[in-house]
Amino acid sequence: MDDIARKQIAEILHFYANAHFKNLRFFLSYTALLWVGLAYFGDKPFAKTIGVLDVIPTIGMLVTAIYWIMHIRSQQYWHTHHRVAPDLWLRPLPDRWRYFTTTTTIFLLYAVIYLLWFSLGIRLATFFAVPLTLGVAGPLIAIFGWKFCVTGGKRVAAQAPTT
C-alpha cells in the first residue's frame, strides 16, 4: 500500500472516530427541540385537535432511528478501515473494559432515548399503529447495532496482525 492510500486511511479512521460526537451534537439539538415543542404544545387545545401529540413522538422515534443507524454505520466504516491498516491507529482496542467505551455509551444513549420516545408515543397516541410499528424497529436496530458496532472491536482486535 502506498503512502497516499495510507494517509487517506488514517484520515478516514480519524474522521469516523470523531463522527459520532459530531452527529451526537445535532441529534441532541433536534431532540431538545422536539421536547420543547412537546412541552409547549402539550396542553394546548388546538394541538390536541390537529394531532401534534401523535406527531412529535413519531418524529422523535424517526430522528433517533436515523441518528442511531448513522452511529452504527460510522463505526462499521471505522472497523473496516482499521482492518486494512491497524498500525495507523495506535490506540489499543479495549479488551477487558470493551463495554465501557464512548461507542457503547452513545449506542445506549440512542437506545434509551428511542425507548423514551416509544413509551411517550404509546402514552399520547390516539392512533397506536404508528408508534407500535416504529417500536418494532428499535429492537431490530439494537440487535443489528450491538452485533456490528459494540462487539466489533473485539472481533477486529482478534483479526488484526500483531506487530
Protein backbone atom coordinates (compact mmCIF):
# COMPACT_ATOMS: atom_id res chain seq x y z
CA MET A 1 0.00 0.00 0.00
CA ASP A 2 1.46 3.35 -1.00
CA ASP A 3 1.81 6.42 1.23
CA ILE A 4 -1.17 8.25 -0.28
CA ALA A 5 -3.52 5.33 0.43
CA ARG A 6 -2.18 5.02 3.98
CA LYS A 7 -2.67 8.76 4.56
CA GLN A 8 -6.24 8.52 3.26
CA ILE A 9 -6.98 5.55 5.53
CA ALA A 10 -5.53 7.45 8.52
CA GLU A 11 -7.77 10.43 7.72
CA ILE A 12 -10.79 8.15 7.37
CA LEU A 13 -10.03 6.48 10.72
CA HIS A 14 -9.79 9.88 12.38
CA PHE A 15 -12.98 11.13 10.71
CA TYR A 16 -15.09 8.13 11.71
CA ALA A 17 -13.62 8.02 15.22
CA ASN A 18 -14.95 11.56 15.73
CA ALA A 19 -18.11 11.25 13.63
CA HIS A 20 -20.32 10.03 16.45
CA PHE A 21 -19.52 13.14 18.51
CA LYS A 22 -20.44 15.40 15.58
CA ASN A 23 -23.67 13.51 14.97
CA LEU A 24 -24.50 13.43 18.68
CA ARG A 25 -24.39 17.23 18.88
CA PHE A 26 -27.01 17.58 16.13
CA PHE A 27 -29.09 14.73 17.48
CA LEU A 28 -29.29 16.25 20.95
CA SER A 29 -30.25 19.60 19.41
CA TYR A 30 -33.10 18.02 17.44
CA THR A 31 -34.23 16.04 20.47
CA ALA A 32 -34.24 19.14 22.66
CA LEU A 33 -36.24 20.99 20.00
CA LEU A 34 -38.82 18.19 19.94
CA TRP A 35 -39.05 18.13 23.75
CA VAL A 36 -39.56 21.90 23.82
CA GLY A 37 -42.29 21.55 21.18
CA LEU A 38 -43.93 18.81 23.21
CA ALA A 39 -43.78 20.87 26.40
CA TYR A 40 -45.12 23.96 24.67
CA PHE A 41 -47.90 22.32 22.65
CA GLY A 42 -48.73 19.56 25.12
CA ASP A 43 -51.53 21.34 26.91
CA LYS A 44 -52.87 23.49 24.05
CA PRO A 45 -56.38 22.55 22.89
CA PHE A 46 -55.63 23.17 19.22
CA ALA A 47 -52.56 20.90 19.41
CA LYS A 48 -54.78 18.03 20.52
CA THR A 49 -57.21 18.58 17.67
CA ILE A 50 -54.55 18.59 14.93
CA GLY A 51 -52.62 15.65 16.38
CA VAL A 52 -49.38 17.31 17.48
CA LEU A 53 -49.13 14.89 20.39
CA ASP A 54 -49.17 12.00 17.89
CA VAL A 55 -46.67 13.56 15.53
CA ILE A 56 -43.92 14.73 17.90
CA PRO A 57 -43.10 11.30 19.44
CA THR A 58 -43.24 9.74 15.96
CA ILE A 59 -40.78 12.31 14.62
CA GLY A 60 -38.65 11.73 17.72
CA MET A 61 -38.51 7.99 17.04
CA LEU A 62 -37.67 8.58 13.38
CA VAL A 63 -34.91 11.10 14.14
CA THR A 64 -33.48 8.82 16.83
CA ALA A 65 -33.53 5.82 14.50
CA ILE A 66 -31.78 7.77 11.75
CA TYR A 67 -29.00 9.02 14.01
CA TRP A 68 -28.70 5.62 15.70
CA ILE A 69 -28.17 3.96 12.31
CA MET A 70 -25.67 6.68 11.32
CA HIS A 71 -23.74 5.92 14.51
CA ILE A 72 -23.68 2.20 13.74
CA ARG A 73 -22.62 2.76 10.14
CA SER A 74 -19.80 5.12 11.09
CA GLN A 75 -18.44 2.51 13.48
CA GLN A 76 -18.68 -0.15 10.78
CA TYR A 77 -16.69 2.05 8.39
CA TRP A 78 -14.11 2.66 11.11
CA HIS A 79 -13.70 -1.07 11.79
CA THR A 80 -13.48 -1.82 8.06
CA HIS A 81 -10.67 0.68 7.54
CA HIS A 82 -8.93 -0.38 10.75
CA ARG A 83 -8.76 -3.95 9.42
CA VAL A 84 -6.91 -2.68 6.33
CA ALA A 85 -4.21 -0.83 8.27
CA PRO A 86 -4.33 -1.47 12.04
CA ASP A 87 -0.92 0.10 12.56
CA LEU A 88 -2.33 3.54 11.69
CA TRP A 89 -4.49 3.54 14.83
CA LEU A 90 -2.05 3.05 17.67
CA ARG A 91 -4.59 3.37 20.45
CA PRO A 92 -5.29 -0.09 21.80
CA LEU A 93 -8.74 -1.51 21.25
CA PRO A 94 -10.31 -2.18 24.65
CA ASP A 95 -10.41 -5.79 25.72
CA ARG A 96 -11.16 -6.04 29.42
CA TRP A 97 -13.29 -2.86 29.55
CA ARG A 98 -14.63 -3.05 25.99
CA TYR A 99 -18.21 -2.27 27.05
CA PHE A 100 -17.15 0.95 28.81
CA THR A 101 -16.34 2.97 25.71
CA THR A 102 -17.78 6.08 24.13
CA THR A 103 -19.19 3.96 21.31
CA THR A 104 -21.16 1.80 23.74
CA THR A 105 -22.26 4.80 25.79
CA ILE A 106 -23.59 6.66 22.76
CA PHE A 107 -25.19 3.46 21.45
CA LEU A 108 -27.04 3.00 24.76
CA LEU A 109 -27.99 6.69 24.81
CA TYR A 110 -29.74 6.26 21.46
CA ALA A 111 -31.47 3.13 22.75
CA VAL A 112 -32.73 4.86 25.90
CA ILE A 113 -33.96 7.94 24.03
CA TYR A 114 -35.67 5.71 21.46
CA LEU A 115 -37.37 3.84 24.30
CA LEU A 116 -38.49 7.13 25.86
CA TRP A 117 -39.98 8.33 22.57
CA PHE A 118 -41.68 4.96 22.09
CA SER A 119 -43.23 4.98 25.56
CA LEU A 120 -44.32 8.59 25.11
CA GLY A 121 -45.79 7.76 21.71
CA ILE A 122 -47.81 4.89 23.17
CA ARG A 123 -48.99 7.02 26.08
CA LEU A 124 -50.02 10.04 23.99
CA ALA A 125 -51.10 8.44 20.72
CA THR A 126 -54.68 8.29 19.53
CA PHE A 127 -53.68 6.01 16.66
CA PHE A 128 -51.38 3.28 18.03
CA ALA A 129 -50.30 1.66 14.76
CA VAL A 130 -47.51 4.16 14.02
CA PRO A 131 -45.74 4.02 17.42
CA LEU A 132 -46.12 0.24 17.52
CA THR A 133 -44.71 -0.14 14.02
CA LEU A 134 -41.76 2.11 14.84
CA GLY A 135 -41.42 0.33 18.18
CA VAL A 136 -40.55 -2.87 16.33
CA ALA A 137 -37.71 -1.07 14.57
CA GLY A 138 -35.97 -0.20 17.85
CA PRO A 139 -35.09 -3.76 18.92
CA LEU A 140 -34.03 -4.59 15.35
CA ILE A 141 -31.66 -1.63 15.28
CA ALA A 142 -30.38 -2.57 18.76
CA ILE A 143 -29.65 -6.17 17.77
CA PHE A 144 -28.00 -5.15 14.50
CA GLY A 145 -26.03 -2.38 16.16
CA TRP A 146 -24.86 -4.45 19.11
CA LYS A 147 -23.61 -7.14 16.76
CA PHE A 148 -21.67 -4.84 14.46
CA CYS A 149 -20.96 -1.68 16.45
CA VAL A 150 -20.30 -2.58 20.06
CA THR A 151 -18.81 -6.06 19.79
CA GLY A 152 -17.00 -5.26 16.53
CA GLY A 153 -13.91 -4.03 18.36
CA LYS A 154 -13.25 -7.43 19.90
CA ARG A 155 -13.63 -9.20 16.56
CA VAL A 156 -11.35 -6.70 14.80
CA ALA A 157 -8.70 -6.92 17.54
CA ALA A 158 -8.63 -10.70 17.18
CA GLN A 159 -8.11 -10.42 13.39
CA ALA A 160 -5.54 -7.64 13.49
CA PRO A 161 -1.99 -8.79 12.80
CA THR A 162 0.44 -8.43 15.67
CA THR A 163 3.49 -6.25 15.22
